[in-house]
Structures are given as C-alpha cells and as structure tokens.
PDB file of N, CA and C in Angstrom:
ATOM      1  N   GLY A   1       0.764  -1.172   0.000  1.00  0.00           N
ATOM      2  CA  GLY A   1       0.000   0.000   0.000  1.00  0.00           C
ATOM      3  C   GLY A   1       0.827   1.269   0.000  1.00  0.00           C
ATOM      4  N   ALA A   2       0.132   2.325   0.212  1.00  0.00           N
ATOM      5  CA  ALA A   2       0.713   3.661   0.152  1.00  0.00           C
ATOM      6  C   ALA A   2       1.326   4.093   1.475  1.00  0.00           C
ATOM      7  N   VAL A   3       1.042   3.377   2.560  1.00  0.00           N
ATOM      8  CA  VAL A   3       1.523   3.824   3.869  1.00  0.00           C
ATOM      9  C   VAL A   3       3.047   3.801   3.963  1.00  0.00           C
ATOM     10  N   PRO A   4       3.747   2.729   3.542  1.00  0.00           N
ATOM     11  CA  PRO A   4       5.210   2.790   3.627  1.00  0.00           C
ATOM     12  C   PRO A   4       5.818   3.854   2.726  1.00  0.00           C
ATOM     13  N   ILE A   5       5.172   4.167   1.622  1.00  0.00           N
ATOM     14  CA  ILE A   5       5.691   5.189   0.716  1.00  0.00           C
ATOM     15  C   ILE A   5       5.481   6.578   1.301  1.00  0.00           C
ATOM     16  N   ALA A   6       4.367   6.785   1.986  1.00  0.00           N
ATOM     17  CA  ALA A   6       4.016   8.112   2.490  1.00  0.00           C
ATOM     18  C   ALA A   6       4.793   8.497   3.741  1.00  0.00           C
ATOM     19  N   GLN A   7       5.294   7.524   4.487  1.00  0.00           N
ATOM     20  CA  GLN A   7       5.949   7.813   5.761  1.00  0.00           C
ATOM     21  C   GLN A   7       7.417   7.407   5.685  1.00  0.00           C
ATOM     22  N   LYS A   8       8.293   8.366   5.844  1.00  0.00           N
ATOM     23  CA  LYS A   8       9.730   8.110   5.760  1.00  0.00           C
ATOM     24  C   LYS A   8      10.431   8.596   7.029  1.00  0.00           C
ATOM     25  N   PRO A   9      10.488   7.779   8.084  1.00  0.00           N
ATOM     26  CA  PRO A   9      11.222   8.214   9.275  1.00  0.00           C
ATOM     27  C   PRO A   9      12.732   8.154   9.030  1.00  0.00           C
ATOM     28  N   ASN A  10      13.467   9.043   9.692  1.00  0.00           N
ATOM     29  CA  ASN A  10      14.925   9.020   9.572  1.00  0.00           C
ATOM     30  C   ASN A  10      15.510   7.780  10.228  1.00  0.00           C
ATOM     31  N   LEU A  11      14.978   7.402  11.365  1.00  0.00           N
ATOM     32  CA  LEU A  11      15.408   6.193  12.060  1.00  0.00           C
ATOM     33  C   LEU A  11      14.363   5.119  11.847  1.00  0.00           C
ATOM     34  N   ARG A  12      14.790   3.950  11.401  1.00  0.00           N
ATOM     35  CA  ARG A  12      13.824   2.882  11.141  1.00  0.00           C
ATOM     36  C   ARG A  12      13.409   2.172  12.420  1.00  0.00           C
ATOM     37  N   SER A  13      14.320   1.982  13.325  1.00  0.00           N
ATOM     38  CA  SER A  13      14.032   1.246  14.548  1.00  0.00           C
ATOM     39  C   SER A  13      13.218   2.092  15.511  1.00  0.00           C
ATOM     40  N   MET A  14      12.257   1.461  16.181  1.00  0.00           N
ATOM     41  CA  MET A  14      11.467   2.178  17.183  1.00  0.00           C
ATOM     42  C   MET A  14      12.176   2.230  18.530  1.00  0.00           C
ATOM     43  N   GLU A  15      13.356   1.660  18.602  1.00  0.00           N
ATOM     44  CA  GLU A  15      14.108   1.677  19.857  1.00  0.00           C
ATOM     45  C   GLU A  15      14.453   3.102  20.279  1.00  0.00           C
ATOM     46  N   PHE A  16      14.693   3.972  19.331  1.00  0.00           N
ATOM     47  CA  PHE A  16      15.065   5.353  19.626  1.00  0.00           C
ATOM     48  C   PHE A  16      13.927   6.328  19.347  1.00  0.00           C
ATOM     49  N   ARG A  17      12.726   5.811  19.163  1.00  0.00           N
ATOM     50  CA  ARG A  17      11.560   6.650  18.878  1.00  0.00           C
ATOM     51  C   ARG A  17      10.442   6.309  19.861  1.00  0.00           C
ATOM     52  N   PRO A  18      10.499   6.813  21.093  1.00  0.00           N
ATOM     53  CA  PRO A  18       9.531   6.395  22.119  1.00  0.00           C
ATOM     54  C   PRO A  18       8.094   6.785  21.812  1.00  0.00           C
ATOM     55  N   SER A  19       7.868   7.920  21.188  1.00  0.00           N
ATOM     56  CA  SER A  19       6.484   8.293  20.885  1.00  0.00           C
ATOM     57  C   SER A  19       5.899   7.363  19.819  1.00  0.00           C
ATOM     58  N   SER A  20       6.690   6.959  18.838  1.00  0.00           N
ATOM     59  CA  SER A  20       6.205   6.002  17.843  1.00  0.00           C
ATOM     60  C   SER A  20       5.915   4.656  18.482  1.00  0.00           C
ATOM     61  N   ARG A  21       6.750   4.289  19.441  1.00  0.00           N
ATOM     62  CA  ARG A  21       6.534   3.027  20.144  1.00  0.00           C
ATOM     63  C   ARG A  21       5.200   3.036  20.877  1.00  0.00           C
ATOM     64  N   PHE A  22       4.889   4.142  21.560  1.00  0.00           N
ATOM     65  CA  PHE A  22       3.622   4.262  22.282  1.00  0.00           C
ATOM     66  C   PHE A  22       2.442   4.155  21.324  1.00  0.00           C
ATOM     67  N   PHE A  23       2.493   4.907  20.226  1.00  0.00           N
ATOM     68  CA  PHE A  23       1.372   4.900  19.292  1.00  0.00           C
ATOM     69  C   PHE A  23       1.275   3.588  18.525  1.00  0.00           C
ATOM     70  N   PHE A  24       2.394   2.887  18.339  1.00  0.00           N
ATOM     71  CA  PHE A  24       2.330   1.564  17.720  1.00  0.00           C
ATOM     72  C   PHE A  24       1.524   0.615  18.588  1.00  0.00           C
ATOM     73  N   TRP A  25       1.784   0.600  19.899  1.00  0.00           N
ATOM     74  CA  TRP A  25       1.030  -0.295  20.782  1.00  0.00           C
ATOM     75  C   TRP A  25      -0.415   0.155  20.920  1.00  0.00           C
ATOM     76  N   TRP A  26      -0.667   1.443  20.787  1.00  0.00           N
ATOM     77  CA  TRP A  26      -2.034   1.947  20.761  1.00  0.00           C
ATOM     78  C   TRP A  26      -2.757   1.391  19.530  1.00  0.00           C
ATOM     79  N   PHE A  27      -2.084   1.371  18.385  1.00  0.00           N
ATOM     80  CA  PHE A  27      -2.637   0.823  17.155  1.00  0.00           C
ATOM     81  C   PHE A  27      -2.888  -0.676  17.288  1.00  0.00           C
ATOM     82  N   VAL A  28      -1.944  -1.397  17.875  1.00  0.00           N
ATOM     83  CA  VAL A  28      -2.112  -2.841  18.064  1.00  0.00           C
ATOM     84  C   VAL A  28      -3.315  -3.126  18.951  1.00  0.00           C
ATOM     85  N   SER A  29      -3.488  -2.332  20.008  1.00  0.00           N
ATOM     86  CA  SER A  29      -4.653  -2.540  20.874  1.00  0.00           C
ATOM     87  C   SER A  29      -5.951  -2.262  20.116  1.00  0.00           C
ATOM     88  N   CYS A  30      -5.960  -1.270  19.231  1.00  0.00           N
ATOM     89  CA  CYS A  30      -7.149  -1.022  18.396  1.00  0.00           C
ATOM     90  C   CYS A  30      -7.443  -2.231  17.509  1.00  0.00           C
ATOM     91  N   CYS A  31      -6.401  -2.854  16.974  1.00  0.00           N
ATOM     92  CA  CYS A  31      -6.601  -4.037  16.132  1.00  0.00           C
ATOM     93  C   CYS A  31      -7.198  -5.187  16.931  1.00  0.00           C
ATOM     94  N   PHE A  32      -6.700  -5.404  18.146  1.00  0.00           N
ATOM     95  CA  PHE A  32      -7.257  -6.466  18.987  1.00  0.00           C
ATOM     96  C   PHE A  32      -8.704  -6.169  19.366  1.00  0.00           C
ATOM     97  N   ILE A  33      -8.995  -4.925  19.686  1.00  0.00           N
ATOM     98  CA  ILE A  33     -10.375  -4.552  20.024  1.00  0.00           C
ATOM     99  C   ILE A  33     -11.291  -4.770  18.824  1.00  0.00           C
ATOM    100  N   LEU A  34     -10.845  -4.388  17.626  1.00  0.00           N
ATOM    101  CA  LEU A  34     -11.665  -4.602  16.433  1.00  0.00           C
ATOM    102  C   LEU A  34     -11.869  -6.089  16.152  1.00  0.00           C
ATOM    103  N   GLY A  35     -10.850  -6.902  16.385  1.00  0.00           N
ATOM    104  CA  GLY A  35     -11.008  -8.347  16.220  1.00  0.00           C
ATOM    105  C   GLY A  35     -11.999  -8.934  17.202  1.00  0.00           C
ATOM    106  N   TRP A  36     -11.937  -8.470  18.432  1.00  0.00           N
ATOM    107  CA  TRP A  36     -12.873  -8.944  19.452  1.00  0.00           C
ATOM    108  C   TRP A  36     -14.288  -8.469  19.148  1.00  0.00           C
ATOM    109  N   ILE A  37     -14.429  -7.213  18.743  1.00  0.00           N
ATOM    110  CA  ILE A  37     -15.750  -6.650  18.440  1.00  0.00           C
ATOM    111  C   ILE A  37     -16.392  -7.387  17.265  1.00  0.00           C
ATOM    112  N   GLY A  38     -15.580  -7.821  16.310  1.00  0.00           N
ATOM    113  CA  GLY A  38     -16.122  -8.543  15.159  1.00  0.00           C
ATOM    114  C   GLY A  38     -16.772  -9.859  15.528  1.00  0.00           C
ATOM    115  N   SER A  39     -16.407 -10.426  16.668  1.00  0.00           N
ATOM    116  CA  SER A  39     -17.000 -11.697  17.095  1.00  0.00           C
ATOM    117  C   SER A  39     -18.220 -11.515  17.997  1.00  0.00           C
ATOM    118  N   GLN A  40     -18.582 -10.278  18.305  1.00  0.00           N
ATOM    119  CA  GLN A  40     -19.715 -10.005  19.195  1.00  0.00           C
ATOM    120  C   GLN A  40     -20.985  -9.748  18.390  1.00  0.00           C
ATOM    121  N   THR A  41     -22.109  -9.834  19.085  1.00  0.00           N
ATOM    122  CA  THR A  41     -23.385  -9.533  18.430  1.00  0.00           C
ATOM    123  C   THR A  41     -23.521  -8.028  18.228  1.00  0.00           C
ATOM    124  N   ALA A  42     -24.336  -7.650  17.262  1.00  0.00           N
ATOM    125  CA  ALA A  42     -24.515  -6.227  16.943  1.00  0.00           C
ATOM    126  C   ALA A  42     -25.594  -5.638  17.843  1.00  0.00           C
ATOM    127  N   LYS A  43     -25.217  -5.319  19.070  1.00  0.00           N
ATOM    128  CA  LYS A  43     -26.143  -4.658  19.984  1.00  0.00           C
ATOM    129  C   LYS A  43     -25.417  -3.557  20.731  1.00  0.00           C
ATOM    130  N   TYR A  44     -26.102  -2.935  21.676  1.00  0.00           N
ATOM    131  CA  TYR A  44     -25.729  -1.643  22.257  1.00  0.00           C
ATOM    132  C   TYR A  44     -24.251  -1.411  22.551  1.00  0.00           C
ATOM    133  N   PRO A  45     -23.604  -2.050  23.483  1.00  0.00           N
ATOM    134  CA  PRO A  45     -22.249  -1.536  23.765  1.00  0.00           C
ATOM    135  C   PRO A  45     -21.244  -1.867  22.676  1.00  0.00           C
ATOM    136  N   TYR A  46     -21.464  -2.976  21.970  1.00  0.00           N
ATOM    137  CA  TYR A  46     -20.467  -3.431  21.008  1.00  0.00           C
ATOM    138  C   TYR A  46     -20.434  -2.576  19.742  1.00  0.00           C
ATOM    139  N   VAL A  47     -21.561  -2.082  19.323  1.00  0.00           N
ATOM    140  CA  VAL A  47     -21.595  -1.236  18.119  1.00  0.00           C
ATOM    141  C   VAL A  47     -20.820   0.056  18.359  1.00  0.00           C
ATOM    142  N   GLU A  48     -21.043   0.686  19.505  1.00  0.00           N
ATOM    143  CA  GLU A  48     -20.341   1.937  19.812  1.00  0.00           C
ATOM    144  C   GLU A  48     -18.844   1.707  20.004  1.00  0.00           C
ATOM    145  N   ILE A  49     -18.488   0.623  20.668  1.00  0.00           N
ATOM    146  CA  ILE A  49     -17.062   0.311  20.846  1.00  0.00           C
ATOM    147  C   ILE A  49     -16.416   0.086  19.484  1.00  0.00           C
ATOM    148  N   GLY A  50     -17.095  -0.615  18.591  1.00  0.00           N
ATOM    149  CA  GLY A  50     -16.574  -0.842  17.246  1.00  0.00           C
ATOM    150  C   GLY A  50     -16.413   0.442  16.451  1.00  0.00           C
ATOM    151  N   GLN A  51     -17.351   1.362  16.621  1.00  0.00           N
ATOM    152  CA  GLN A  51     -17.246   2.639  15.911  1.00  0.00           C
ATOM    153  C   GLN A  51     -16.061   3.455  16.417  1.00  0.00           C
ATOM    154  N   TYR A  52     -15.878   3.496  17.734  1.00  0.00           N
ATOM    155  CA  TYR A  52     -14.730   4.228  18.287  1.00  0.00           C
ATOM    156  C   TYR A  52     -13.412   3.573  17.882  1.00  0.00           C
ATOM    157  N   ALA A  53     -13.351   2.241  17.952  1.00  0.00           N
ATOM    158  CA  ALA A  53     -12.116   1.550  17.580  1.00  0.00           C
ATOM    159  C   ALA A  53     -11.806   1.746  16.097  1.00  0.00           C
ATOM    160  N   SER A  54     -12.828   1.731  15.251  1.00  0.00           N
ATOM    161  CA  SER A  54     -12.615   1.976  13.816  1.00  0.00           C
ATOM    162  C   SER A  54     -12.115   3.392  13.567  1.00  0.00           C
ATOM    163  N   PHE A  55     -12.696   4.350  14.289  1.00  0.00           N
ATOM    164  CA  PHE A  55     -12.248   5.731  14.152  1.00  0.00           C
ATOM    165  C   PHE A  55     -10.777   5.854  14.527  1.00  0.00           C
ATOM    166  N   PHE A  56     -10.363   5.280  15.665  1.00  0.00           N
ATOM    167  CA  PHE A  56      -8.970   5.382  16.099  1.00  0.00           C
ATOM    168  C   PHE A  56      -8.030   4.611  15.181  1.00  0.00           C
ATOM    169  N   TYR A  57      -8.508   3.515  14.591  1.00  0.00           N
ATOM    170  CA  TYR A  57      -7.698   2.748  13.644  1.00  0.00           C
ATOM    171  C   TYR A  57      -7.310   3.622  12.447  1.00  0.00           C
ATOM    172  N   PHE A  58      -8.296   4.264  11.840  1.00  0.00           N
ATOM    173  CA  PHE A  58      -8.012   5.098  10.674  1.00  0.00           C
ATOM    174  C   PHE A  58      -7.366   6.429  11.059  1.00  0.00           C
ATOM    175  N   PHE A  59      -7.672   6.933  12.242  1.00  0.00           N
ATOM    176  CA  PHE A  59      -7.046   8.156  12.737  1.00  0.00           C
ATOM    177  C   PHE A  59      -5.542   7.963  12.885  1.00  0.00           C
ATOM    178  N   TYR A  60      -5.127   6.751  13.259  1.00  0.00           N
ATOM    179  CA  TYR A  60      -3.698   6.452  13.371  1.00  0.00           C
ATOM    180  C   TYR A  60      -3.003   6.634  12.024  1.00  0.00           C
ATOM    181  N   PHE A  61      -3.549   6.057  10.949  1.00  0.00           N
ATOM    182  CA  PHE A  61      -2.900   6.124   9.640  1.00  0.00           C
ATOM    183  C   PHE A  61      -2.973   7.501   9.012  1.00  0.00           C
ATOM    184  N   TRP A  62      -4.075   8.195   9.193  1.00  0.00           N
ATOM    185  CA  TRP A  62      -4.263   9.481   8.514  1.00  0.00           C
ATOM    186  C   TRP A  62      -3.628  10.647   9.245  1.00  0.00           C
ATOM    187  N   PHE A  63      -3.571  10.588  10.579  1.00  0.00           N
ATOM    188  CA  PHE A  63      -3.100  11.753  11.331  1.00  0.00           C
ATOM    189  C   PHE A  63      -1.942  11.446  12.275  1.00  0.00           C
ATOM    190  N   ILE A  64      -2.074  10.458  13.122  1.00  0.00           N
ATOM    191  CA  ILE A  64      -1.091  10.217  14.182  1.00  0.00           C
ATOM    192  C   ILE A  64       0.271   9.840  13.608  1.00  0.00           C
ATOM    193  N   ALA A  65       0.330   8.794  12.788  1.00  0.00           N
ATOM    194  CA  ALA A  65       1.618   8.329  12.276  1.00  0.00           C
ATOM    195  C   ALA A  65       2.353   9.404  11.470  1.00  0.00           C
ATOM    196  N   PRO A  66       1.719  10.100  10.533  1.00  0.00           N
ATOM    197  CA  PRO A  66       2.466  11.141   9.810  1.00  0.00           C
ATOM    198  C   PRO A  66       2.938  12.287  10.704  1.00  0.00           C
ATOM    199  N   ILE A  67       2.113  12.693  11.661  1.00  0.00           N
ATOM    200  CA  ILE A  67       2.499  13.798  12.553  1.00  0.00           C
ATOM    201  C   ILE A  67       3.640  13.378  13.462  1.00  0.00           C
ATOM    202  N   VAL A  68       3.561  12.171  14.029  1.00  0.00           N
ATOM    203  CA  VAL A  68       4.622  11.696  14.922  1.00  0.00           C
ATOM    204  C   VAL A  68       5.929  11.545  14.153  1.00  0.00           C
ATOM    205  N   ILE A  69       5.879  10.986  12.958  1.00  0.00           N
ATOM    206  CA  ILE A  69       7.099  10.820  12.166  1.00  0.00           C
ATOM    207  C   ILE A  69       7.679  12.179  11.784  1.00  0.00           C
ATOM    208  N   TYR A  70       6.834  13.139  11.446  1.00  0.00           N
ATOM    209  CA  TYR A  70       7.326  14.479  11.126  1.00  0.00           C
ATOM    210  C   TYR A  70       8.055  15.083  12.324  1.00  0.00           C
ATOM    211  N   PHE A  71       7.424  15.036  13.511  1.00  0.00           N
ATOM    212  CA  PHE A  71       8.057  15.630  14.688  1.00  0.00           C
ATOM    213  C   PHE A  71       9.312  14.873  15.103  1.00  0.00           C
ATOM    214  N   GLU A  72       9.343  13.566  14.917  1.00  0.00           N
ATOM    215  CA  GLU A  72      10.563  12.823  15.229  1.00  0.00           C
ATOM    216  C   GLU A  72      11.671  13.133  14.235  1.00  0.00           C
ATOM    217  N   ASN A  73      11.330  13.367  12.980  1.00  0.00           N
ATOM    218  CA  ASN A  73      12.351  13.736  12.002  1.00  0.00           C
ATOM    219  C   ASN A  73      12.904  15.133  12.272  1.00  0.00           C
ATOM    220  N   VAL A  74      12.048  16.045  12.726  1.00  0.00           N
ATOM    221  CA  VAL A  74      12.477  17.421  12.958  1.00  0.00           C
ATOM    222  C   VAL A  74      13.167  17.575  14.305  1.00  0.00           C
ATOM    223  N   PHE A  75      12.578  17.002  15.363  1.00  0.00           N
ATOM    224  CA  PHE A  75      13.085  17.219  16.719  1.00  0.00           C
ATOM    225  C   PHE A  75      13.670  15.971  17.361  1.00  0.00           C
ATOM    226  N   GLY A  76      13.747  14.873  16.635  1.00  0.00           N
ATOM    227  CA  GLY A  76      14.122  13.591  17.221  1.00  0.00           C
ATOM    228  C   GLY A  76      15.606  13.437  17.472  1.00  0.00           C
ATOM    229  N   PRO A  77      16.003  12.241  17.903  1.00  0.00           N
ATOM    230  CA  PRO A  77      17.399  11.997  18.267  1.00  0.00           C
ATOM    231  C   PRO A  77      18.347  11.988  17.079  1.00  0.00           C
ATOM    232  N   ALA A  78      17.846  11.974  15.850  1.00  0.00           N
ATOM    233  CA  ALA A  78      18.737  11.983  14.686  1.00  0.00           C
ATOM    234  C   ALA A  78      19.486  13.302  14.557  1.00  0.00           C
ATOM    235  N   HIS A  79      19.009  14.358  15.234  1.00  0.00           N
ATOM    236  CA  HIS A  79      19.669  15.658  15.156  1.00  0.00           C
ATOM    237  C   HIS A  79      20.682  15.864  16.275  1.00  0.00           C
ATOM    238  N   LEU A  80      20.751  14.935  17.207  1.00  0.00           N
ATOM    239  CA  LEU A  80      21.768  14.986  18.252  1.00  0.00           C
ATOM    240  C   LEU A  80      23.027  14.308  17.732  1.00  0.00           C
ATOM    241  N   PRO A  81      24.193  14.603  18.308  1.00  0.00           N
ATOM    242  CA  PRO A  81      25.426  13.984  17.802  1.00  0.00           C
ATOM    243  C   PRO A  81      25.385  12.458  17.827  1.00  0.00           C
ATOM    244  N   ILE A  82      24.899  11.862  18.926  1.00  0.00           N
ATOM    245  CA  ILE A  82      24.836  10.399  18.985  1.00  0.00           C
ATOM    246  C   ILE A  82      23.782   9.878  18.019  1.00  0.00           C
ATOM    247  N   GLY A  83      22.718  10.644  17.818  1.00  0.00           N
ATOM    248  CA  GLY A  83      21.678  10.239  16.877  1.00  0.00           C
ATOM    249  C   GLY A  83      22.190  10.198  15.451  1.00  0.00           C
ATOM    250  N   LYS A  84      23.071  11.128  15.094  1.00  0.00           N
ATOM    251  CA  LYS A  84      23.644  11.124  13.746  1.00  0.00           C
ATOM    252  C   LYS A  84      24.530   9.900  13.542  1.00  0.00           C
ATOM    253  N   LEU A  85      25.258   9.510  14.587  1.00  0.00           N
ATOM    254  CA  LEU A  85      26.084   8.310  14.483  1.00  0.00           C
ATOM    255  C   LEU A  85      25.218   7.064  14.325  1.00  0.00           C
ATOM    256  N   ILE A  86      24.130   7.003  15.076  1.00  0.00           N
ATOM    257  CA  ILE A  86      23.223   5.856  14.966  1.00  0.00           C
ATOM    258  C   ILE A  86      22.594   5.818  13.586  1.00  0.00           C
ATOM    259  N   LEU A  87      22.209   6.969  13.073  1.00  0.00           N
ATOM    260  CA  LEU A  87      21.603   7.039  11.746  1.00  0.00           C
ATOM    261  C   LEU A  87      22.601   6.605  10.677  1.00  0.00           C
ATOM    262  N   GLN A  88      23.850   7.019  10.796  1.00  0.00           N
ATOM    263  CA  GLN A  88      24.865   6.611   9.832  1.00  0.00           C
ATOM    264  C   GLN A  88      25.109   5.110   9.910  1.00  0.00           C
ATOM    265  N   ALA A  89      25.132   4.568  11.125  1.00  0.00           N
ATOM    266  CA  ALA A  89      25.344   3.134  11.280  1.00  0.00           C
ATOM    267  C   ALA A  89      24.172   2.344  10.713  1.00  0.00           C
ATOM    268  N   SER A  90      22.954   2.818  10.927  1.00  0.00           N
ATOM    269  CA  SER A  90      21.792   2.090  10.406  1.00  0.00           C
ATOM    270  C   SER A  90      21.748   2.159   8.882  1.00  0.00           C
ATOM    271  N   ASN A  91      22.160   3.264   8.290  1.00  0.00           N
ATOM    272  CA  ASN A  91      22.206   3.358   6.827  1.00  0.00           C
ATOM    273  C   ASN A  91      23.320   2.490   6.256  1.00  0.00           C
ATOM    274  N   PHE A  92      24.405   2.338   7.011  1.00  0.00           N
ATOM    275  CA  PHE A  92      25.512   1.508   6.565  1.00  0.00           C
ATOM    276  C   PHE A  92      25.112   0.035   6.554  1.00  0.00           C
ATOM    277  N   LEU A  93      24.323  -0.381   7.542  1.00  0.00           N
ATOM    278  CA  LEU A  93      23.948  -1.784   7.660  1.00  0.00           C
ATOM    279  C   LEU A  93      22.897  -2.205   6.649  1.00  0.00           C
ATOM    280  N   VAL A  94      22.173  -1.244   6.095  1.00  0.00           N
ATOM    281  CA  VAL A  94      21.085  -1.595   5.164  1.00  0.00           C
ATOM    282  C   VAL A  94      21.593  -1.744   3.768  1.00  0.00           C
TER     283      VAL A  94
END
C-alpha cells in the first residue's frame, strides 16, 4: 500500500523513537479490540465500541503516524550527535 511510501522516518528502529513506540502499541490494541468486536453480536455496547475503535484505527494512519514521524524527524534523536552516528550506522547496515 501507500503507507510505507508516504511515511519516511529518519530512524527505522522504534528503539530510539519512544512516541512512535507508544502509538504503535495503541494501534495494536485497536486491532485487537476490532477483532474482538467482530466476534460479538450487533447490539448496544459493542456497536459503539466498534465505531470508536474503527475511528482510532483510521485516525492512526491518517493523522497520528504522519504527525509523529514528522516531529521525530524534525526534533528527534537523529539531530543529536549520537543520533547522527546511529543514523549513519543504520544506513551503513542496510
């Protein structure tokens, strides 16, 4: 799809990107909630939970991930001296 093409973080590993790590696990929890909701009957609490989980699922791809990657590229550890060394090492290994 278009998601890997649209998002280009300077650092590939989430080890040095704590905000991306947090939002990644937030996304994974949305996926588990959507999987669980899909097995439930279509009645009062489950429909609303499914709507909220669907909203957050797509909100992650359209808004959260691009904004977090932008701020990590601009203000992240890649602009610190040790971050530049890590970035050079990761580019060398690829």
